[in-house]
Amino acid sequence: MGAEEIAIEDEDEADIVEWYEARPVTVSTAVATGAVVTAFALGVLTGVGALALMGWLDD
């Protein structure tokens, strides 16, 4: 059975798909800012840790 053989018998069945549509995600400004700041801080800590580890391994 190929895609060209599939036919929609009832046009009303397409409305069911709209029921399953996900709600848009809403995040407050404070939560979004906290997530960005946390990600930046973790990146900085990872970079500093990697540099410290490379310096420790060179000795």
C-alpha atoms as a PDB file:
ATOM      1  CA  MET A   1       0.000   0.000   0.000  1.00  0.00           C
ATOM      2  CA  GLY A   2       1.667   3.202  -1.129  1.00  0.00           C
ATOM      3  CA  ALA A   3       1.053   6.747  -0.030  1.00  0.00           C
ATOM      4  CA  GLU A   4      -0.957   7.412  -3.155  1.00  0.00           C
ATOM      5  CA  GLU A   5      -3.399   4.630  -2.210  1.00  0.00           C
ATOM      6  CA  ILE A   6      -4.278   6.158   1.159  1.00  0.00           C
ATOM      7  CA  ALA A   7      -7.372   8.327   0.959  1.00  0.00           C
ATOM      8  CA  ILE A   8      -9.133  10.237   3.695  1.00  0.00           C
ATOM      9  CA  GLU A   9     -12.707   9.015   3.728  1.00  0.00           C
ATOM     10  CA  ASP A  10     -14.078  11.532   6.203  1.00  0.00           C
ATOM     11  CA  GLU A  11     -12.892  15.150   6.269  1.00  0.00           C
ATOM     12  CA  ASP A  12     -13.959  15.498   9.954  1.00  0.00           C
ATOM     13  CA  GLU A  13     -11.200  13.154  11.105  1.00  0.00           C
ATOM     14  CA  ALA A  14      -8.618  15.885  10.466  1.00  0.00           C
ATOM     15  CA  ASP A  15     -10.086  17.882  13.384  1.00  0.00           C
ATOM     16  CA  ILE A  16      -8.871  15.214  15.816  1.00  0.00           C
ATOM     17  CA  VAL A  17      -5.277  16.227  15.076  1.00  0.00           C
ATOM     18  CA  GLU A  18      -5.963  19.718  16.381  1.00  0.00           C
ATOM     19  CA  TRP A  19      -7.024  18.232  19.736  1.00  0.00           C
ATOM     20  CA  TYR A  20      -3.569  16.680  20.132  1.00  0.00           C
ATOM     21  CA  GLU A  21      -1.776  19.938  19.325  1.00  0.00           C
ATOM     22  CA  ALA A  22       0.508  20.909  22.200  1.00  0.00           C
ATOM     23  CA  ARG A  23       0.076  24.157  24.076  1.00  0.00           C
ATOM     24  CA  PRO A  24       2.839  26.703  23.539  1.00  0.00           C
ATOM     25  CA  VAL A  25       5.404  26.696  26.332  1.00  0.00           C
ATOM     26  CA  THR A  26       5.333  29.850  28.402  1.00  0.00           C
ATOM     27  CA  VAL A  27       8.205  30.744  30.702  1.00  0.00           C
ATOM     28  CA  SER A  28       8.432  33.844  32.841  1.00  0.00           C
ATOM     29  CA  THR A  29      11.188  36.365  32.227  1.00  0.00           C
ATOM     30  CA  ALA A  30      12.799  35.590  35.577  1.00  0.00           C
ATOM     31  CA  VAL A  31      13.007  31.855  34.824  1.00  0.00           C
ATOM     32  CA  ALA A  32      14.411  32.462  31.333  1.00  0.00           C
ATOM     33  CA  THR A  33      17.012  34.888  32.707  1.00  0.00           C
ATOM     34  CA  GLY A  34      17.968  32.442  35.446  1.00  0.00           C
ATOM     35  CA  ALA A  35      18.430  29.665  32.910  1.00  0.00           C
ATOM     36  CA  VAL A  36      20.685  31.825  30.721  1.00  0.00           C
ATOM     37  CA  VAL A  37      22.771  33.013  33.681  1.00  0.00           C
ATOM     38  CA  THR A  38      23.107  29.459  35.003  1.00  0.00           C
ATOM     39  CA  ALA A  39      24.167  28.140  31.595  1.00  0.00           C
ATOM     40  CA  PHE A  40      26.762  30.917  31.284  1.00  0.00           C
ATOM     41  CA  ALA A  41      28.110  30.243  34.794  1.00  0.00           C
ATOM     42  CA  LEU A  42      28.388  26.516  34.100  1.00  0.00           C
ATOM     43  CA  GLY A  43      30.250  27.278  30.878  1.00  0.00           C
ATOM     44  CA  VAL A  44      32.671  29.559  32.705  1.00  0.00           C
ATOM     45  CA  LEU A  45      33.253  26.966  35.437  1.00  0.00           C
ATOM     46  CA  THR A  46      33.851  24.269  32.836  1.00  0.00           C
ATOM     47  CA  GLY A  47      36.360  26.456  31.008  1.00  0.00           C
ATOM     48  CA  VAL A  48      38.208  27.421  34.165  1.00  0.00           C
ATOM     49  CA  GLY A  49      38.207  23.798  35.310  1.00  0.00           C
ATOM     50  CA  ALA A  50      39.569  22.613  31.971  1.00  0.00           C
ATOM     51  CA  LEU A  51      42.345  25.234  32.047  1.00  0.00           C
ATOM     52  CA  ALA A  52      43.245  24.310  35.637  1.00  0.00           C
ATOM     53  CA  LEU A  53      43.313  20.614  34.759  1.00  0.00           C
ATOM     54  CA  MET A  54      45.552  21.261  31.732  1.00  0.00           C
ATOM     55  CA  GLY A  55      47.911  23.324  33.892  1.00  0.00           C
ATOM     56  CA  TRP A  56      47.977  20.610  36.565  1.00  0.00           C
ATOM     57  CA  LEU A  57      48.665  17.883  33.991  1.00  0.00           C
ATOM     58  CA  ASP A  58      51.550  19.852  32.413  1.00  0.00           C
ATOM     59  CA  ASP A  59      53.513  19.825  35.684  1.00  0.00           C
END
